[in-house]
Amino acid sequence: MIAGRAVLTVRRYAAVDTLVLDLLEPRVDSVWVNARAVAFRRDSTTVRVPLPPRAGAADTFTVAVRYAGAVSDGLIVRQDSLKRWTYFGDKLAQSRAPLAAERGSSQ
């Protein structure tokens, strides 16, 4: 079981209104954009985060995602034969784009 908060600093260069984060597991408890809670959408593989209106040709904002739960794919954490903790990512996690944005998302 893991729990944490990921904070991203995102710079937007295109006219997009939704940030799409790839996340297979765990559950997402809350999402904040520029320190304000937002109503995110979650499906089996993504978290869709509504973005604030653009503030010019390129703007920057922060996105915080609070999550918790068991992870069965992506990050492998275990002890080796000498009882040392080891961490590594599997091929699925390496093949997925870590983050993408959509233009005019209506989902």
N, C-alpha and C. Protein backbone atom coordinates (compact mmCIF):
# COMPACT_ATOMS: atom_id res chain seq x y z
N MET A 1 0.85 -1.18 0.00
CA MET A 1 0.00 0.00 0.00
C MET A 1 0.89 1.24 0.00
N ILE A 2 0.53 2.20 -0.82
CA ILE A 2 1.24 3.48 -0.85
C ILE A 2 0.23 4.61 -0.69
N ALA A 3 0.71 5.76 -0.27
CA ALA A 3 -0.11 6.96 -0.19
C ALA A 3 0.82 8.14 -0.38
N GLY A 4 0.33 9.16 -1.04
CA GLY A 4 1.18 10.32 -1.23
C GLY A 4 0.48 11.44 -1.96
N ARG A 5 1.28 12.44 -2.29
CA ARG A 5 0.79 13.59 -3.03
C ARG A 5 1.84 13.93 -4.07
N ALA A 6 1.45 13.95 -5.33
CA ALA A 6 2.35 14.35 -6.41
C ALA A 6 2.01 15.78 -6.78
N VAL A 7 3.03 16.63 -6.86
CA VAL A 7 2.83 18.02 -7.24
C VAL A 7 3.59 18.27 -8.54
N LEU A 8 2.86 18.67 -9.56
CA LEU A 8 3.44 18.93 -10.88
C LEU A 8 3.41 20.43 -11.15
N THR A 9 4.48 20.92 -11.74
CA THR A 9 4.48 22.28 -12.28
C THR A 9 4.38 22.12 -13.79
N VAL A 10 3.30 22.64 -14.36
CA VAL A 10 2.99 22.42 -15.77
C VAL A 10 3.03 23.75 -16.50
N ARG A 11 3.68 23.75 -17.65
CA ARG A 11 3.70 24.93 -18.51
C ARG A 11 2.88 24.61 -19.75
N ARG A 12 1.85 25.40 -20.00
CA ARG A 12 0.94 25.16 -21.12
C ARG A 12 1.31 26.08 -22.28
N TYR A 13 1.49 25.49 -23.45
CA TYR A 13 1.82 26.25 -24.66
C TYR A 13 0.71 26.21 -25.70
N ALA A 14 -0.23 25.28 -25.56
CA ALA A 14 -1.30 25.13 -26.54
C ALA A 14 -2.65 25.41 -25.88
N ALA A 15 -3.65 25.61 -26.70
CA ALA A 15 -5.01 25.90 -26.21
C ALA A 15 -5.68 24.60 -25.76
N VAL A 16 -5.35 24.14 -24.57
CA VAL A 16 -5.96 22.93 -24.01
C VAL A 16 -6.70 23.30 -22.73
N ASP A 17 -7.77 22.57 -22.46
CA ASP A 17 -8.54 22.86 -21.25
C ASP A 17 -8.56 21.70 -20.27
N THR A 18 -7.89 20.60 -20.63
CA THR A 18 -7.87 19.42 -19.78
C THR A 18 -6.47 18.80 -19.79
N LEU A 19 -5.98 18.48 -18.61
CA LEU A 19 -4.73 17.76 -18.46
C LEU A 19 -5.09 16.30 -18.22
N VAL A 20 -4.50 15.39 -18.99
CA VAL A 20 -4.79 13.97 -18.84
C VAL A 20 -3.54 13.28 -18.30
N LEU A 21 -3.67 12.70 -17.12
CA LEU A 21 -2.57 11.99 -16.49
C LEU A 21 -2.82 10.49 -16.59
N ASP A 22 -1.84 9.74 -17.05
CA ASP A 22 -1.95 8.28 -17.07
C ASP A 22 -1.72 7.76 -15.66
N LEU A 23 -2.66 6.98 -15.17
CA LEU A 23 -2.52 6.40 -13.84
C LEU A 23 -3.39 5.15 -13.76
N LEU A 24 -2.75 4.00 -13.72
CA LEU A 24 -3.50 2.74 -13.64
C LEU A 24 -4.02 2.51 -12.23
N GLU A 25 -3.22 2.71 -11.26
CA GLU A 25 -3.53 2.54 -9.86
C GLU A 25 -2.73 3.59 -9.12
N PRO A 26 -2.97 3.95 -7.99
CA PRO A 26 -4.04 3.64 -7.05
C PRO A 26 -5.21 4.60 -7.20
N ARG A 27 -6.04 4.69 -6.17
CA ARG A 27 -7.20 5.59 -6.25
C ARG A 27 -6.73 7.04 -6.03
N VAL A 28 -7.45 7.96 -6.62
CA VAL A 28 -7.15 9.39 -6.46
C VAL A 28 -8.21 9.97 -5.54
N ASP A 29 -7.75 10.61 -4.46
CA ASP A 29 -8.67 11.18 -3.48
C ASP A 29 -9.06 12.61 -3.80
N SER A 30 -8.09 13.40 -4.29
CA SER A 30 -8.38 14.80 -4.59
C SER A 30 -7.35 15.35 -5.57
N VAL A 31 -7.75 16.38 -6.28
CA VAL A 31 -6.87 17.08 -7.23
C VAL A 31 -7.04 18.57 -7.01
N TRP A 32 -5.91 19.27 -6.99
CA TRP A 32 -5.90 20.72 -6.80
C TRP A 32 -5.14 21.36 -7.95
N VAL A 33 -5.66 22.46 -8.48
CA VAL A 33 -4.97 23.25 -9.50
C VAL A 33 -4.79 24.64 -8.93
N ASN A 34 -3.55 25.09 -8.87
CA ASN A 34 -3.23 26.39 -8.28
C ASN A 34 -3.88 26.56 -6.90
N ALA A 35 -3.74 25.53 -6.06
CA ALA A 35 -4.22 25.53 -4.68
C ALA A 35 -5.74 25.57 -4.54
N ARG A 36 -6.47 25.22 -5.60
CA ARG A 36 -7.93 25.16 -5.55
C ARG A 36 -8.38 23.75 -5.93
N ALA A 37 -9.26 23.18 -5.13
CA ALA A 37 -9.79 21.85 -5.44
C ALA A 37 -10.58 21.90 -6.74
N VAL A 38 -10.42 20.88 -7.58
CA VAL A 38 -11.15 20.79 -8.84
C VAL A 38 -11.86 19.44 -8.92
N ALA A 39 -12.93 19.41 -9.69
CA ALA A 39 -13.70 18.19 -9.91
C ALA A 39 -13.04 17.41 -11.05
N PHE A 40 -12.21 16.45 -10.72
CA PHE A 40 -11.50 15.65 -11.72
C PHE A 40 -12.38 14.47 -12.13
N ARG A 41 -12.01 13.84 -13.25
CA ARG A 41 -12.69 12.62 -13.72
C ARG A 41 -11.67 11.50 -13.76
N ARG A 42 -12.07 10.33 -13.34
CA ARG A 42 -11.17 9.18 -13.26
C ARG A 42 -11.79 8.01 -14.02
N ASP A 43 -10.99 7.32 -14.83
CA ASP A 43 -11.42 6.06 -15.41
C ASP A 43 -10.34 5.03 -15.08
N SER A 44 -10.35 3.90 -15.73
CA SER A 44 -9.42 2.82 -15.35
C SER A 44 -7.96 3.12 -15.67
N THR A 45 -7.69 4.10 -16.52
CA THR A 45 -6.29 4.37 -16.90
C THR A 45 -5.88 5.82 -16.80
N THR A 46 -6.81 6.74 -16.59
CA THR A 46 -6.44 8.16 -16.60
C THR A 46 -7.14 8.96 -15.51
N VAL A 47 -6.56 10.11 -15.25
CA VAL A 47 -7.17 11.14 -14.41
C VAL A 47 -7.25 12.38 -15.28
N ARG A 48 -8.45 12.93 -15.46
CA ARG A 48 -8.66 14.12 -16.29
C ARG A 48 -8.88 15.33 -15.38
N VAL A 49 -8.01 16.32 -15.56
CA VAL A 49 -7.99 17.48 -14.69
C VAL A 49 -8.38 18.73 -15.50
N PRO A 50 -9.47 19.41 -15.13
CA PRO A 50 -9.82 20.65 -15.83
C PRO A 50 -8.81 21.74 -15.50
N LEU A 51 -8.44 22.50 -16.50
CA LEU A 51 -7.45 23.55 -16.33
C LEU A 51 -8.10 24.93 -16.28
N PRO A 52 -7.45 25.87 -15.62
CA PRO A 52 -7.98 27.24 -15.60
C PRO A 52 -7.85 27.87 -16.99
N PRO A 53 -8.57 28.94 -17.24
CA PRO A 53 -8.44 29.63 -18.53
C PRO A 53 -6.99 30.05 -18.76
N ARG A 54 -6.62 30.12 -20.03
CA ARG A 54 -5.25 30.52 -20.38
C ARG A 54 -4.99 31.95 -19.96
N ALA A 55 -3.72 32.16 -19.58
CA ALA A 55 -3.30 33.50 -19.17
C ALA A 55 -2.20 34.01 -20.08
N GLY A 56 -2.39 33.85 -21.39
CA GLY A 56 -1.38 34.30 -22.34
C GLY A 56 -0.92 33.17 -23.24
N ALA A 57 0.12 33.45 -24.04
CA ALA A 57 0.63 32.46 -24.99
C ALA A 57 1.16 31.21 -24.29
N ALA A 58 1.79 31.39 -23.15
CA ALA A 58 2.27 30.27 -22.34
C ALA A 58 2.03 30.62 -20.88
N ASP A 59 1.42 29.70 -20.16
CA ASP A 59 1.21 29.97 -18.75
C ASP A 59 1.63 28.75 -17.93
N THR A 60 1.88 28.97 -16.65
CA THR A 60 2.34 27.92 -15.76
C THR A 60 1.37 27.78 -14.60
N PHE A 61 1.12 26.55 -14.19
CA PHE A 61 0.25 26.29 -13.05
C PHE A 61 0.74 25.04 -12.34
N THR A 62 0.26 24.84 -11.12
CA THR A 62 0.61 23.63 -10.37
C THR A 62 -0.61 22.74 -10.25
N VAL A 63 -0.36 21.45 -10.30
CA VAL A 63 -1.39 20.44 -10.14
C VAL A 63 -0.92 19.50 -9.03
N ALA A 64 -1.76 19.33 -8.01
CA ALA A 64 -1.44 18.41 -6.92
C ALA A 64 -2.46 17.27 -6.94
N VAL A 65 -1.96 16.04 -6.89
CA VAL A 65 -2.82 14.85 -6.92
C VAL A 65 -2.55 14.05 -5.65
N ARG A 66 -3.58 13.84 -4.87
CA ARG A 66 -3.47 13.04 -3.66
C ARG A 66 -3.99 11.64 -3.97
N TYR A 67 -3.19 10.62 -3.65
CA TYR A 67 -3.53 9.25 -4.02
C TYR A 67 -3.21 8.28 -2.88
N ALA A 68 -3.81 7.08 -2.95
CA ALA A 68 -3.54 6.02 -1.97
C ALA A 68 -4.05 4.70 -2.53
N GLY A 69 -3.41 3.62 -2.13
CA GLY A 69 -3.88 2.29 -2.52
C GLY A 69 -2.74 1.35 -2.84
N ALA A 70 -3.12 0.16 -3.22
CA ALA A 70 -2.15 -0.86 -3.59
C ALA A 70 -1.76 -0.68 -5.06
N VAL A 71 -0.52 -1.00 -5.37
CA VAL A 71 -0.02 -0.91 -6.74
C VAL A 71 0.41 -2.31 -7.17
N SER A 72 -0.15 -2.78 -8.30
CA SER A 72 0.22 -4.11 -8.76
C SER A 72 1.01 -4.08 -10.06
N ASP A 73 1.12 -2.90 -10.69
CA ASP A 73 1.85 -2.79 -11.95
C ASP A 73 2.52 -1.43 -12.01
N GLY A 74 3.65 -1.36 -12.67
CA GLY A 74 4.36 -0.10 -12.83
C GLY A 74 5.59 -0.03 -11.98
N LEU A 75 5.44 0.18 -10.70
CA LEU A 75 6.57 0.25 -9.78
C LEU A 75 6.61 -1.04 -8.96
N ILE A 76 7.72 -1.72 -9.03
CA ILE A 76 7.89 -2.96 -8.28
C ILE A 76 8.79 -2.66 -7.07
N VAL A 77 8.27 -2.93 -5.89
CA VAL A 77 9.02 -2.70 -4.65
C VAL A 77 9.05 -4.03 -3.90
N ARG A 78 10.27 -4.48 -3.57
CA ARG A 78 10.38 -5.74 -2.81
C ARG A 78 11.75 -5.83 -2.17
N GLN A 79 11.91 -6.83 -1.32
CA GLN A 79 13.20 -7.07 -0.68
C GLN A 79 13.94 -8.17 -1.44
N ASP A 80 15.25 -7.98 -1.59
CA ASP A 80 16.06 -9.00 -2.24
C ASP A 80 16.44 -10.08 -1.21
N SER A 81 17.27 -11.03 -1.62
CA SER A 81 17.63 -12.14 -0.75
C SER A 81 18.41 -11.70 0.49
N LEU A 82 19.01 -10.51 0.46
CA LEU A 82 19.72 -9.98 1.63
C LEU A 82 18.85 -9.02 2.44
N LYS A 83 17.53 -9.02 2.16
CA LYS A 83 16.55 -8.18 2.87
C LYS A 83 16.73 -6.69 2.61
N ARG A 84 17.37 -6.34 1.50
CA ARG A 84 17.49 -4.92 1.10
C ARG A 84 16.31 -4.58 0.21
N TRP A 85 15.78 -3.36 0.37
CA TRP A 85 14.66 -2.93 -0.46
C TRP A 85 15.16 -2.58 -1.85
N THR A 86 14.43 -3.02 -2.87
CA THR A 86 14.76 -2.70 -4.26
C THR A 86 13.52 -2.10 -4.92
N TYR A 87 13.74 -1.22 -5.89
CA TYR A 87 12.66 -0.52 -6.60
C TYR A 87 12.99 -0.50 -8.09
N PHE A 88 12.02 -0.83 -8.93
CA PHE A 88 12.22 -0.68 -10.37
C PHE A 88 10.88 -0.61 -11.08
N GLY A 89 10.91 0.01 -12.26
CA GLY A 89 9.70 0.12 -13.08
C GLY A 89 9.66 -1.01 -14.09
N ASP A 90 8.47 -1.52 -14.35
CA ASP A 90 8.35 -2.59 -15.34
C ASP A 90 8.11 -2.01 -16.73
N LYS A 91 8.03 -2.86 -17.72
CA LYS A 91 7.91 -2.41 -19.12
C LYS A 91 6.64 -1.63 -19.39
N LEU A 92 5.52 -2.01 -18.77
CA LEU A 92 4.26 -1.27 -19.00
C LEU A 92 4.41 0.18 -18.57
N ALA A 93 4.96 0.38 -17.42
CA ALA A 93 5.13 1.76 -16.93
C ALA A 93 6.05 2.55 -17.83
N GLN A 94 7.08 1.93 -18.38
CA GLN A 94 8.02 2.63 -19.24
C GLN A 94 7.43 2.94 -20.61
N SER A 95 6.44 2.15 -21.03
CA SER A 95 5.88 2.35 -22.37
C SER A 95 4.76 3.38 -22.39
N ARG A 96 4.22 3.75 -21.24
CA ARG A 96 3.10 4.69 -21.19
C ARG A 96 3.64 6.11 -21.07
N ALA A 97 3.04 7.02 -21.80
CA ALA A 97 3.42 8.43 -21.69
C ALA A 97 3.03 8.92 -20.31
N PRO A 98 3.91 9.62 -19.59
CA PRO A 98 3.59 10.03 -18.23
C PRO A 98 2.51 11.09 -18.14
N LEU A 99 2.37 11.88 -19.19
CA LEU A 99 1.34 12.90 -19.10
C LEU A 99 1.02 13.42 -20.48
N ALA A 100 -0.22 13.74 -20.71
CA ALA A 100 -0.65 14.24 -22.02
C ALA A 100 -1.72 15.29 -21.80
N ALA A 101 -1.92 16.13 -22.78
CA ALA A 101 -2.98 17.14 -22.68
C ALA A 101 -3.90 16.99 -23.88
N GLU A 102 -5.15 17.31 -23.69
CA GLU A 102 -6.14 17.23 -24.76
C GLU A 102 -6.66 18.61 -25.11
N ARG A 103 -6.91 18.81 -26.37
CA ARG A 103 -7.50 20.06 -26.84
C ARG A 103 -9.02 19.93 -26.76
N GLY A 104 -9.65 20.85 -26.07
CA GLY A 104 -11.11 20.93 -26.03
C GLY A 104 -11.78 19.65 -25.58
N SER A 105 -11.30 19.03 -24.54
CA SER A 105 -11.87 17.77 -24.06
C SER A 105 -13.33 17.96 -23.67
N SER A 106 -14.16 17.02 -24.08
CA SER A 106 -15.57 17.10 -23.72
C SER A 106 -16.01 15.87 -22.94
N GLN A 107 -15.07 15.02 -22.55
CA GLN A 107 -15.43 13.80 -21.83
C GLN A 107 -15.59 14.05 -20.36
